[in-house]
Amino acid sequence: MIRLIVGLGNPGKRYEKTRHNVGWMVLDRLAKVLGIDFSKEKFKGKIAEIRNDDGKKIFLLKPLTYMNLSGESVGELAKFYKIKPEETLVVYDDLDLPLGKLRLRLKGSSGGHKGVASIEQCFGSQNFSRLRIGIGRPQTKEEVVNYVLSPFREDELEALGEAIDKAVSCLKEVIKKGDIDNKIMSKCN
């Protein structure tokens, strides 16, 4: 049962439309589609609440701790509401996937993503689900930091929009069912 969906990003106008904020972009679009908003600020994050078809509460969280400290926000909310790692789904950008590709997995490693590593550290576990949104990779390793903190180019916006729409569709299925199964994973991947 998924009880917490986390979108990773960085707070502030400066980062709003950057590649590293894809997780926030997806949750913002999801909230708009569902007619809810992130009206609460608590646990070092912005929170929205919804109920699945069985009436069970699901939290949407956008940590306000910069990316590398995302686990602080996730950990506080999870501890307060007694949410286990297995009940958590994290949405974030991935350099190793081509722009616009999605990968939904039940667990895995951080793959070098510092926001995900922070959540792993907070939970003491890698056993949480991940919806990775491909942002592509720059030409050299030296460019990675600037790349993830840069806005999408005009010629990338269509693929980004399609990826966000597909991610929202997947998350709606997860919310409706309350869990992630092979059918949902096939649809998302």
N, C-alpha and C. Protein backbone atom coordinates (compact mmCIF):
# COMPACT_ATOMS: atom_id res chain seq x y z
N MET A 1 0.85 -1.19 0.00
CA MET A 1 0.00 0.00 0.00
C MET A 1 0.89 1.25 0.00
N ILE A 2 0.67 2.12 -0.95
CA ILE A 2 1.42 3.38 -0.99
C ILE A 2 0.68 4.42 -0.16
N ARG A 3 1.37 4.99 0.82
CA ARG A 3 0.78 6.00 1.70
C ARG A 3 1.44 7.36 1.54
N LEU A 4 2.60 7.40 0.87
CA LEU A 4 3.34 8.65 0.72
C LEU A 4 3.96 8.70 -0.67
N ILE A 5 3.68 9.80 -1.39
CA ILE A 5 4.31 10.05 -2.68
C ILE A 5 5.12 11.33 -2.54
N VAL A 6 6.42 11.23 -2.80
CA VAL A 6 7.34 12.35 -2.62
C VAL A 6 7.84 12.80 -3.99
N GLY A 7 7.80 14.10 -4.24
CA GLY A 7 8.39 14.67 -5.45
C GLY A 7 9.63 15.45 -5.05
N LEU A 8 10.78 15.10 -5.62
CA LEU A 8 12.02 15.78 -5.24
C LEU A 8 12.24 17.03 -6.08
N GLY A 9 12.82 18.03 -5.43
CA GLY A 9 13.14 19.29 -6.09
C GLY A 9 13.84 20.22 -5.12
N ASN A 10 14.07 21.43 -5.56
CA ASN A 10 14.69 22.48 -4.74
C ASN A 10 13.71 23.64 -4.63
N PRO A 11 13.62 24.26 -3.45
CA PRO A 11 12.70 25.39 -3.29
C PRO A 11 13.25 26.66 -3.92
N GLY A 12 12.35 27.57 -4.25
CA GLY A 12 12.75 28.89 -4.73
C GLY A 12 12.58 29.06 -6.23
N LYS A 13 12.31 30.28 -6.64
CA LYS A 13 12.11 30.63 -8.06
C LYS A 13 13.30 30.23 -8.94
N ARG A 14 14.50 30.38 -8.38
CA ARG A 14 15.72 30.08 -9.14
C ARG A 14 15.73 28.66 -9.71
N TYR A 15 15.14 27.71 -8.97
CA TYR A 15 15.20 26.30 -9.36
C TYR A 15 13.89 25.78 -9.97
N GLU A 16 12.88 26.62 -9.98
CA GLU A 16 11.53 26.21 -10.33
C GLU A 16 11.42 25.38 -11.61
N LYS A 17 12.09 25.78 -12.68
CA LYS A 17 11.93 25.10 -13.97
C LYS A 17 13.18 24.32 -14.38
N THR A 18 13.98 23.94 -13.38
CA THR A 18 15.21 23.22 -13.68
C THR A 18 14.98 21.71 -13.76
N ARG A 19 15.94 21.03 -14.34
CA ARG A 19 15.84 19.57 -14.52
C ARG A 19 15.72 18.84 -13.18
N HIS A 20 16.38 19.37 -12.16
CA HIS A 20 16.36 18.73 -10.85
C HIS A 20 15.00 18.85 -10.17
N ASN A 21 14.10 19.64 -10.72
CA ASN A 21 12.79 19.85 -10.10
C ASN A 21 11.67 19.07 -10.78
N VAL A 22 12.02 18.09 -11.58
CA VAL A 22 11.00 17.31 -12.28
C VAL A 22 10.03 16.65 -11.29
N GLY A 23 10.53 16.18 -10.17
CA GLY A 23 9.65 15.56 -9.17
C GLY A 23 8.57 16.52 -8.69
N TRP A 24 8.96 17.76 -8.45
CA TRP A 24 7.98 18.77 -8.04
C TRP A 24 7.01 19.06 -9.17
N MET A 25 7.53 19.14 -10.40
CA MET A 25 6.67 19.42 -11.56
C MET A 25 5.57 18.36 -11.68
N VAL A 26 5.95 17.10 -11.50
CA VAL A 26 4.99 16.00 -11.59
C VAL A 26 3.94 16.12 -10.49
N LEU A 27 4.36 16.36 -9.25
CA LEU A 27 3.40 16.47 -8.15
C LEU A 27 2.51 17.71 -8.31
N ASP A 28 3.06 18.81 -8.81
CA ASP A 28 2.23 19.99 -9.04
C ASP A 28 1.15 19.70 -10.08
N ARG A 29 1.52 19.02 -11.17
CA ARG A 29 0.54 18.68 -12.21
C ARG A 29 -0.49 17.69 -11.66
N LEU A 30 -0.03 16.71 -10.88
CA LEU A 30 -0.95 15.74 -10.28
C LEU A 30 -1.97 16.44 -9.38
N ALA A 31 -1.48 17.35 -8.55
CA ALA A 31 -2.37 18.08 -7.65
C ALA A 31 -3.41 18.88 -8.44
N LYS A 32 -2.96 19.50 -9.52
CA LYS A 32 -3.88 20.27 -10.36
C LYS A 32 -4.95 19.37 -10.97
N VAL A 33 -4.54 18.22 -11.50
CA VAL A 33 -5.47 17.26 -12.11
C VAL A 33 -6.47 16.74 -11.07
N LEU A 34 -6.00 16.52 -9.84
CA LEU A 34 -6.87 15.98 -8.79
C LEU A 34 -7.68 17.07 -8.08
N GLY A 35 -7.38 18.34 -8.38
CA GLY A 35 -8.11 19.44 -7.76
C GLY A 35 -7.76 19.66 -6.30
N ILE A 36 -6.50 19.39 -5.96
CA ILE A 36 -6.04 19.62 -4.59
C ILE A 36 -4.84 20.56 -4.64
N ASP A 37 -4.41 21.03 -3.48
CA ASP A 37 -3.22 21.89 -3.47
C ASP A 37 -2.35 21.58 -2.26
N PHE A 38 -1.14 22.09 -2.33
CA PHE A 38 -0.17 21.91 -1.26
C PHE A 38 -0.36 23.03 -0.25
N SER A 39 -1.44 22.93 0.51
CA SER A 39 -1.83 24.03 1.41
C SER A 39 -1.14 23.97 2.77
N LYS A 40 -0.61 22.81 3.13
CA LYS A 40 0.04 22.68 4.44
C LYS A 40 1.55 22.76 4.30
N GLU A 41 2.19 23.44 5.24
CA GLU A 41 3.65 23.41 5.34
C GLU A 41 3.98 22.82 6.70
N LYS A 42 4.56 21.64 6.66
CA LYS A 42 4.88 20.91 7.88
C LYS A 42 5.95 19.89 7.54
N PHE A 43 6.68 19.43 8.53
CA PHE A 43 7.72 18.42 8.32
C PHE A 43 8.75 18.88 7.27
N LYS A 44 9.08 20.16 7.29
CA LYS A 44 10.06 20.73 6.35
C LYS A 44 9.64 20.52 4.90
N GLY A 45 8.34 20.56 4.64
CA GLY A 45 7.86 20.37 3.28
C GLY A 45 6.47 20.92 3.07
N LYS A 46 6.04 20.89 1.82
CA LYS A 46 4.66 21.24 1.45
C LYS A 46 3.91 19.93 1.27
N ILE A 47 2.70 19.88 1.85
CA ILE A 47 1.95 18.64 1.90
C ILE A 47 0.55 18.82 1.31
N ALA A 48 0.11 17.81 0.59
CA ALA A 48 -1.29 17.70 0.15
C ALA A 48 -1.75 16.31 0.57
N GLU A 49 -3.05 16.16 0.76
CA GLU A 49 -3.60 14.86 1.15
C GLU A 49 -4.73 14.48 0.21
N ILE A 50 -4.79 13.20 -0.11
CA ILE A 50 -5.88 12.67 -0.92
C ILE A 50 -6.29 11.33 -0.35
N ARG A 51 -7.38 10.79 -0.85
CA ARG A 51 -7.82 9.46 -0.44
C ARG A 51 -7.95 8.58 -1.68
N ASN A 52 -7.54 7.32 -1.54
CA ASN A 52 -7.68 6.40 -2.67
C ASN A 52 -9.10 5.86 -2.72
N ASP A 53 -9.37 4.94 -3.64
CA ASP A 53 -10.72 4.40 -3.81
C ASP A 53 -11.24 3.67 -2.58
N ASP A 54 -10.32 3.19 -1.74
CA ASP A 54 -10.72 2.51 -0.50
C ASP A 54 -10.85 3.48 0.67
N GLY A 55 -10.67 4.78 0.41
CA GLY A 55 -10.79 5.78 1.46
C GLY A 55 -9.54 5.97 2.30
N LYS A 56 -8.46 5.31 1.92
CA LYS A 56 -7.21 5.43 2.68
C LYS A 56 -6.47 6.70 2.29
N LYS A 57 -5.92 7.38 3.28
CA LYS A 57 -5.22 8.64 3.07
C LYS A 57 -3.84 8.42 2.45
N ILE A 58 -3.53 9.24 1.46
CA ILE A 58 -2.20 9.25 0.84
C ILE A 58 -1.68 10.67 0.90
N PHE A 59 -0.44 10.81 1.36
CA PHE A 59 0.20 12.12 1.44
C PHE A 59 1.04 12.37 0.20
N LEU A 60 1.00 13.60 -0.29
CA LEU A 60 1.91 14.06 -1.34
C LEU A 60 2.84 15.04 -0.64
N LEU A 61 4.13 14.90 -0.85
CA LEU A 61 5.12 15.73 -0.16
C LEU A 61 6.14 16.29 -1.13
N LYS A 62 6.35 17.61 -1.03
CA LYS A 62 7.44 18.28 -1.74
C LYS A 62 8.38 18.84 -0.67
N PRO A 63 9.50 18.14 -0.42
CA PRO A 63 10.43 18.62 0.61
C PRO A 63 10.94 20.03 0.30
N LEU A 64 11.04 20.85 1.32
CA LEU A 64 11.56 22.21 1.17
C LEU A 64 13.00 22.35 1.64
N THR A 65 13.61 21.20 1.91
CA THR A 65 15.00 21.16 2.39
C THR A 65 15.86 21.17 1.16
N TYR A 66 16.54 21.68 0.59
CA TYR A 66 17.20 21.46 -0.69
C TYR A 66 17.40 19.96 -0.96
N MET A 67 17.62 19.65 -2.19
CA MET A 67 17.65 18.27 -2.69
C MET A 67 18.46 17.32 -1.81
N ASN A 68 19.69 17.71 -1.46
CA ASN A 68 20.60 16.80 -0.76
C ASN A 68 20.15 16.46 0.66
N LEU A 69 19.14 17.16 1.17
CA LEU A 69 18.63 16.90 2.52
C LEU A 69 17.17 16.44 2.50
N SER A 70 16.71 15.96 1.37
CA SER A 70 15.31 15.55 1.22
C SER A 70 14.87 14.55 2.28
N GLY A 71 15.78 13.69 2.70
CA GLY A 71 15.46 12.68 3.70
C GLY A 71 14.99 13.25 5.02
N GLU A 72 15.44 14.47 5.36
CA GLU A 72 14.99 15.09 6.62
C GLU A 72 13.48 15.28 6.61
N SER A 73 12.96 15.81 5.52
CA SER A 73 11.53 16.05 5.40
C SER A 73 10.76 14.74 5.33
N VAL A 74 11.21 13.84 4.47
CA VAL A 74 10.55 12.53 4.31
C VAL A 74 10.56 11.79 5.64
N GLY A 75 11.70 11.80 6.31
CA GLY A 75 11.83 11.08 7.58
C GLY A 75 10.90 11.60 8.66
N GLU A 76 10.77 12.93 8.76
CA GLU A 76 9.89 13.51 9.78
C GLU A 76 8.44 13.12 9.54
N LEU A 77 7.98 13.25 8.29
CA LEU A 77 6.59 12.90 7.99
C LEU A 77 6.36 11.40 8.18
N ALA A 78 7.27 10.59 7.67
CA ALA A 78 7.12 9.13 7.78
C ALA A 78 7.11 8.68 9.24
N LYS A 79 7.96 9.26 10.05
CA LYS A 79 8.01 8.88 11.46
C LYS A 79 6.71 9.27 12.17
N PHE A 80 6.22 10.47 11.90
CA PHE A 80 5.01 10.96 12.57
C PHE A 80 3.80 10.10 12.21
N TYR A 81 3.66 9.74 10.93
CA TYR A 81 2.50 8.97 10.49
C TYR A 81 2.77 7.47 10.41
N LYS A 82 3.94 7.05 10.90
CA LYS A 82 4.31 5.63 10.91
C LYS A 82 4.22 5.00 9.52
N ILE A 83 4.83 5.68 8.56
CA ILE A 83 4.87 5.21 7.18
C ILE A 83 6.18 4.47 6.95
N LYS A 84 6.09 3.25 6.47
CA LYS A 84 7.26 2.42 6.22
C LYS A 84 7.87 2.77 4.86
N PRO A 85 9.15 2.43 4.66
CA PRO A 85 9.77 2.65 3.35
C PRO A 85 8.97 2.02 2.21
N GLU A 86 8.46 0.79 2.42
CA GLU A 86 7.71 0.08 1.38
C GLU A 86 6.41 0.79 1.01
N GLU A 87 5.97 1.72 1.83
CA GLU A 87 4.72 2.47 1.60
C GLU A 87 4.99 3.82 0.96
N THR A 88 6.21 4.01 0.47
CA THR A 88 6.65 5.30 -0.06
C THR A 88 7.04 5.18 -1.53
N LEU A 89 6.66 6.17 -2.32
CA LEU A 89 7.02 6.26 -3.73
C LEU A 89 7.68 7.63 -3.94
N VAL A 90 8.89 7.63 -4.48
CA VAL A 90 9.64 8.86 -4.70
C VAL A 90 9.74 9.13 -6.20
N VAL A 91 9.40 10.35 -6.61
CA VAL A 91 9.44 10.77 -8.01
C VAL A 91 10.61 11.75 -8.17
N TYR A 92 11.50 11.46 -9.13
CA TYR A 92 12.68 12.31 -9.28
C TYR A 92 13.30 12.21 -10.66
N ASP A 93 14.20 13.14 -10.94
CA ASP A 93 14.92 13.20 -12.21
C ASP A 93 16.03 12.15 -12.26
N ASP A 94 16.31 11.67 -13.47
CA ASP A 94 17.37 10.67 -13.62
C ASP A 94 18.22 10.97 -14.84
N LEU A 95 19.50 11.20 -14.61
CA LEU A 95 20.47 11.47 -15.68
C LEU A 95 20.68 10.28 -16.60
N ASP A 96 20.50 9.08 -16.09
CA ASP A 96 20.82 7.88 -16.85
C ASP A 96 19.71 7.42 -17.78
N LEU A 97 18.58 8.11 -17.76
CA LEU A 97 17.49 7.81 -18.68
C LEU A 97 17.40 8.92 -19.72
N PRO A 98 17.13 8.58 -20.97
CA PRO A 98 16.95 9.62 -21.99
C PRO A 98 15.79 10.54 -21.62
N LEU A 99 15.84 11.75 -22.09
CA LEU A 99 14.80 12.73 -21.81
C LEU A 99 13.41 12.16 -22.10
N GLY A 100 12.55 12.22 -21.09
CA GLY A 100 11.16 11.81 -21.26
C GLY A 100 10.85 10.36 -20.95
N LYS A 101 11.86 9.51 -20.77
CA LYS A 101 11.63 8.10 -20.44
C LYS A 101 11.30 7.97 -18.96
N LEU A 102 10.42 7.03 -18.63
CA LEU A 102 10.04 6.77 -17.25
C LEU A 102 10.43 5.36 -16.85
N ARG A 103 10.78 5.19 -15.57
CA ARG A 103 11.04 3.87 -15.01
C ARG A 103 10.43 3.82 -13.61
N LEU A 104 9.52 2.88 -13.41
CA LEU A 104 8.91 2.66 -12.11
C LEU A 104 9.47 1.36 -11.55
N ARG A 105 10.03 1.41 -10.37
CA ARG A 105 10.62 0.24 -9.71
C ARG A 105 10.19 0.21 -8.24
N LEU A 106 10.15 -1.00 -7.69
CA LEU A 106 9.75 -1.15 -6.29
C LEU A 106 10.88 -0.85 -5.31
N LYS A 107 12.11 -0.94 -5.77
CA LYS A 107 13.26 -0.61 -4.92
C LYS A 107 14.48 -0.47 -5.81
N GLY A 108 15.60 -0.11 -5.22
CA GLY A 108 16.84 0.04 -5.99
C GLY A 108 17.84 0.86 -5.22
N SER A 109 18.87 1.31 -5.91
CA SER A 109 19.88 2.14 -5.27
C SER A 109 19.66 3.59 -5.67
N SER A 110 20.41 4.47 -5.06
CA SER A 110 20.28 5.90 -5.37
C SER A 110 20.83 6.22 -6.75
N GLY A 111 21.72 5.39 -7.27
CA GLY A 111 22.31 5.67 -8.57
C GLY A 111 23.10 6.97 -8.58
N GLY A 112 23.55 7.41 -7.42
CA GLY A 112 24.29 8.66 -7.33
C GLY A 112 23.43 9.89 -7.11
N HIS A 113 22.11 9.73 -7.09
CA HIS A 113 21.20 10.87 -6.86
C HIS A 113 21.21 11.20 -5.37
N LYS A 114 21.67 12.38 -5.04
CA LYS A 114 21.87 12.74 -3.64
C LYS A 114 20.55 12.88 -2.86
N GLY A 115 19.49 13.30 -3.51
CA GLY A 115 18.18 13.37 -2.85
C GLY A 115 17.68 11.99 -2.46
N VAL A 116 17.84 11.04 -3.35
CA VAL A 116 17.43 9.66 -3.08
C VAL A 116 18.33 9.05 -2.00
N ALA A 117 19.63 9.33 -2.08
CA ALA A 117 20.57 8.83 -1.07
C ALA A 117 20.19 9.35 0.32
N SER A 118 19.75 10.60 0.39
CA SER A 118 19.33 11.18 1.66
C SER A 118 18.11 10.44 2.23
N ILE A 119 17.18 10.06 1.35
CA ILE A 119 16.00 9.32 1.79
C ILE A 119 16.39 7.91 2.23
N GLU A 120 17.29 7.28 1.48
CA GLU A 120 17.79 5.95 1.88
C GLU A 120 18.41 6.01 3.27
N GLN A 121 19.19 7.06 3.51
CA GLN A 121 19.85 7.22 4.81
C GLN A 121 18.81 7.41 5.91
N CYS A 122 17.82 8.22 5.64
CA CYS A 122 16.77 8.48 6.63
C CYS A 122 16.00 7.21 6.97
N PHE A 123 15.64 6.42 5.96
CA PHE A 123 14.89 5.18 6.19
C PHE A 123 15.80 4.05 6.67
N GLY A 124 17.10 4.15 6.38
CA GLY A 124 17.98 3.02 6.65
C GLY A 124 17.64 1.86 5.75
N SER A 125 17.10 2.17 4.56
CA SER A 125 16.61 1.14 3.64
C SER A 125 16.53 1.69 2.22
N GLN A 126 16.67 0.79 1.26
CA GLN A 126 16.45 1.12 -0.15
C GLN A 126 15.10 0.60 -0.63
N ASN A 127 14.31 0.05 0.28
CA ASN A 127 13.06 -0.61 -0.08
C ASN A 127 11.88 0.35 -0.20
N PHE A 128 12.05 1.39 -1.01
CA PHE A 128 10.93 2.25 -1.35
C PHE A 128 10.84 2.34 -2.86
N SER A 129 9.64 2.58 -3.35
CA SER A 129 9.41 2.63 -4.80
C SER A 129 9.94 3.93 -5.37
N ARG A 130 10.29 3.87 -6.67
CA ARG A 130 10.85 5.03 -7.35
C ARG A 130 10.22 5.18 -8.72
N LEU A 131 9.83 6.39 -9.05
CA LEU A 131 9.42 6.73 -10.41
C LEU A 131 10.45 7.72 -10.91
N ARG A 132 11.32 7.22 -11.79
CA ARG A 132 12.42 8.04 -12.32
C ARG A 132 12.00 8.64 -13.65
N ILE A 133 12.26 9.94 -13.80
CA ILE A 133 11.93 10.66 -15.03
C ILE A 133 13.24 11.03 -15.71
N GLY A 134 13.44 10.55 -16.93
CA GLY A 134 14.68 10.80 -17.65
C GLY A 134 14.86 12.26 -18.03
N ILE A 135 16.05 12.78 -17.76
CA ILE A 135 16.40 14.15 -18.17
C ILE A 135 17.60 14.15 -19.10
N GLY A 136 18.13 12.97 -19.42
CA GLY A 136 19.31 12.89 -20.28
C GLY A 136 20.56 13.26 -19.51
N ARG A 137 21.69 13.17 -20.17
CA ARG A 137 22.99 13.41 -19.53
C ARG A 137 23.77 14.42 -20.35
N PRO A 138 24.52 15.30 -19.66
CA PRO A 138 25.38 16.23 -20.39
C PRO A 138 26.58 15.49 -20.99
N GLN A 139 27.36 16.18 -21.80
CA GLN A 139 28.49 15.57 -22.50
C GLN A 139 29.59 15.09 -21.57
N THR A 140 29.88 15.84 -20.49
CA THR A 140 30.97 15.46 -19.59
C THR A 140 30.50 15.42 -18.14
N LYS A 141 31.22 14.68 -17.30
CA LYS A 141 30.88 14.60 -15.88
C LYS A 141 30.97 15.96 -15.20
N GLU A 142 31.89 16.79 -15.64
CA GLU A 142 32.09 18.10 -15.03
C GLU A 142 30.86 18.99 -15.18
N GLU A 143 30.05 18.70 -16.18
CA GLU A 143 28.89 19.53 -16.45
C GLU A 143 27.64 19.13 -15.65
N VAL A 144 27.68 18.03 -14.92
CA VAL A 144 26.47 17.48 -14.29
C VAL A 144 25.78 18.48 -13.37
N VAL A 145 26.48 19.10 -12.45
CA VAL A 145 25.85 20.02 -11.50
C VAL A 145 25.16 21.17 -12.23
N ASN A 146 25.86 21.81 -13.14
CA ASN A 146 25.24 22.90 -13.89
C ASN A 146 24.06 22.41 -14.74
N TYR A 147 24.20 21.22 -15.28
CA TYR A 147 23.16 20.65 -16.12
C TYR A 147 21.86 20.43 -15.34
N VAL A 148 21.93 19.75 -14.20
CA VAL A 148 20.71 19.45 -13.45
C VAL A 148 20.08 20.71 -12.87
N LEU A 149 20.88 21.75 -12.66
CA LEU A 149 20.35 23.01 -12.11
C LEU A 149 20.01 24.03 -13.20
N SER A 150 20.03 23.59 -14.45
CA SER A 150 19.67 24.48 -15.56
C SER A 150 18.25 24.18 -16.02
N PRO A 151 17.58 25.19 -16.59
CA PRO A 151 16.23 24.95 -17.10
C PRO A 151 16.26 24.10 -18.36
N PHE A 152 15.13 23.49 -18.66
CA PHE A 152 15.02 22.73 -19.89
C PHE A 152 15.09 23.69 -21.08
N ARG A 153 15.69 23.22 -22.17
CA ARG A 153 15.75 24.03 -23.39
C ARG A 153 14.37 24.01 -24.07
N GLU A 154 14.14 24.98 -24.88
CA GLU A 154 12.88 25.09 -25.61
C GLU A 154 12.56 23.82 -26.40
N ASP A 155 13.57 23.23 -27.03
CA ASP A 155 13.35 22.04 -27.85
C ASP A 155 13.11 20.77 -27.01
N GLU A 156 13.22 20.87 -25.68
CA GLU A 156 12.99 19.72 -24.80
C GLU A 156 11.61 19.77 -24.13
N LEU A 157 10.93 20.90 -24.25
CA LEU A 157 9.69 21.10 -23.48
C LEU A 157 8.56 20.15 -23.88
N GLU A 158 8.47 19.80 -25.15
CA GLU A 158 7.41 18.89 -25.57
C GLU A 158 7.61 17.51 -24.95
N ALA A 159 8.83 17.00 -25.02
CA ALA A 159 9.13 15.69 -24.42
C ALA A 159 8.93 15.73 -22.90
N LEU A 160 9.31 16.83 -22.28
CA LEU A 160 9.11 16.99 -20.84
C LEU A 160 7.63 16.95 -20.50
N GLY A 161 6.82 17.70 -21.24
CA GLY A 161 5.38 17.74 -21.00
C GLY A 161 4.75 16.36 -21.13
N GLU A 162 5.15 15.63 -22.16
CA GLU A 162 4.63 14.27 -22.36
C GLU A 162 5.03 13.35 -21.21
N ALA A 163 6.28 13.48 -20.74
CA ALA A 163 6.75 12.65 -19.63
C ALA A 163 5.98 12.98 -18.35
N ILE A 164 5.75 14.25 -18.09
CA ILE A 164 5.00 14.65 -16.90
C ILE A 164 3.57 14.11 -16.98
N ASP A 165 2.94 14.23 -18.15
CA ASP A 165 1.58 13.70 -18.32
C ASP A 165 1.54 12.19 -18.08
N LYS A 166 2.52 11.47 -18.61
CA LYS A 166 2.56 10.02 -18.42
C LYS A 166 2.80 9.67 -16.95
N ALA A 167 3.69 10.42 -16.29
CA ALA A 167 3.95 10.19 -14.87
C ALA A 167 2.69 10.43 -14.04
N VAL A 168 1.96 11.48 -14.36
CA VAL A 168 0.72 11.78 -13.65
C VAL A 168 -0.30 10.65 -13.86
N SER A 169 -0.40 10.16 -15.07
CA SER A 169 -1.30 9.05 -15.37
C SER A 169 -0.93 7.82 -14.53
N CYS A 170 0.35 7.53 -14.45
CA CYS A 170 0.83 6.40 -13.64
C CYS A 170 0.50 6.60 -12.16
N LEU A 171 0.75 7.79 -11.66
CA LEU A 171 0.48 8.07 -10.25
C LEU A 171 -1.01 7.99 -9.94
N LYS A 172 -1.84 8.42 -10.85
CA LYS A 172 -3.29 8.29 -10.65
C LYS A 172 -3.69 6.82 -10.52
N GLU A 173 -3.06 5.95 -11.31
CA GLU A 173 -3.32 4.51 -11.22
C GLU A 173 -2.86 3.97 -9.87
N VAL A 174 -1.69 4.39 -9.43
CA VAL A 174 -1.17 3.96 -8.13
C VAL A 174 -2.12 4.40 -7.02
N ILE A 175 -2.56 5.65 -7.09
CA ILE A 175 -3.47 6.18 -6.07
C ILE A 175 -4.79 5.41 -6.09
N LYS A 176 -5.34 5.20 -7.27
CA LYS A 176 -6.63 4.52 -7.40
C LYS A 176 -6.55 3.11 -6.82
N LYS A 177 -5.50 2.38 -7.19
CA LYS A 177 -5.34 1.00 -6.73
C LYS A 177 -4.80 0.94 -5.30
N GLY A 178 -4.01 1.95 -4.93
CA GLY A 178 -3.42 1.98 -3.59
C GLY A 178 -2.10 1.26 -3.51
N ASP A 179 -1.66 0.70 -4.63
CA ASP A 179 -0.43 -0.08 -4.62
C ASP A 179 0.16 -0.10 -6.03
N ILE A 180 1.35 -0.69 -6.15
CA ILE A 180 2.02 -0.81 -7.44
C ILE A 180 2.07 -2.29 -7.79
N ASP A 181 1.51 -2.63 -8.95
CA ASP A 181 1.57 -4.01 -9.42
C ASP A 181 2.26 -4.06 -10.78
N ASN A 182 2.40 -5.26 -11.32
CA ASN A 182 3.09 -5.43 -12.61
C ASN A 182 2.39 -4.70 -13.74
N LYS A 183 1.06 -4.64 -13.70
CA LYS A 183 0.30 -3.96 -14.75
C LYS A 183 0.63 -2.47 -14.76
N ILE A 184 0.67 -1.86 -13.59
CA ILE A 184 1.01 -0.43 -13.50
C ILE A 184 2.45 -0.20 -13.91
N MET A 185 3.36 -1.10 -13.48
CA MET A 185 4.76 -0.96 -13.86
C MET A 185 4.92 -1.06 -15.37
N SER A 186 4.23 -1.99 -16.01
CA SER A 186 4.31 -2.13 -17.47
C SER A 186 3.81 -0.88 -18.17
N LYS A 187 2.72 -0.34 -17.67
CA LYS A 187 2.14 0.86 -18.27
C LYS A 187 3.09 2.04 -18.14
N CYS A 188 3.70 2.19 -17.00
CA CYS A 188 4.60 3.34 -16.75
C CYS A 188 5.92 3.20 -17.50
N ASN A 189 6.41 1.99 -17.61
CA ASN A 189 7.70 1.78 -18.24
C ASN A 189 7.57 1.68 -19.75
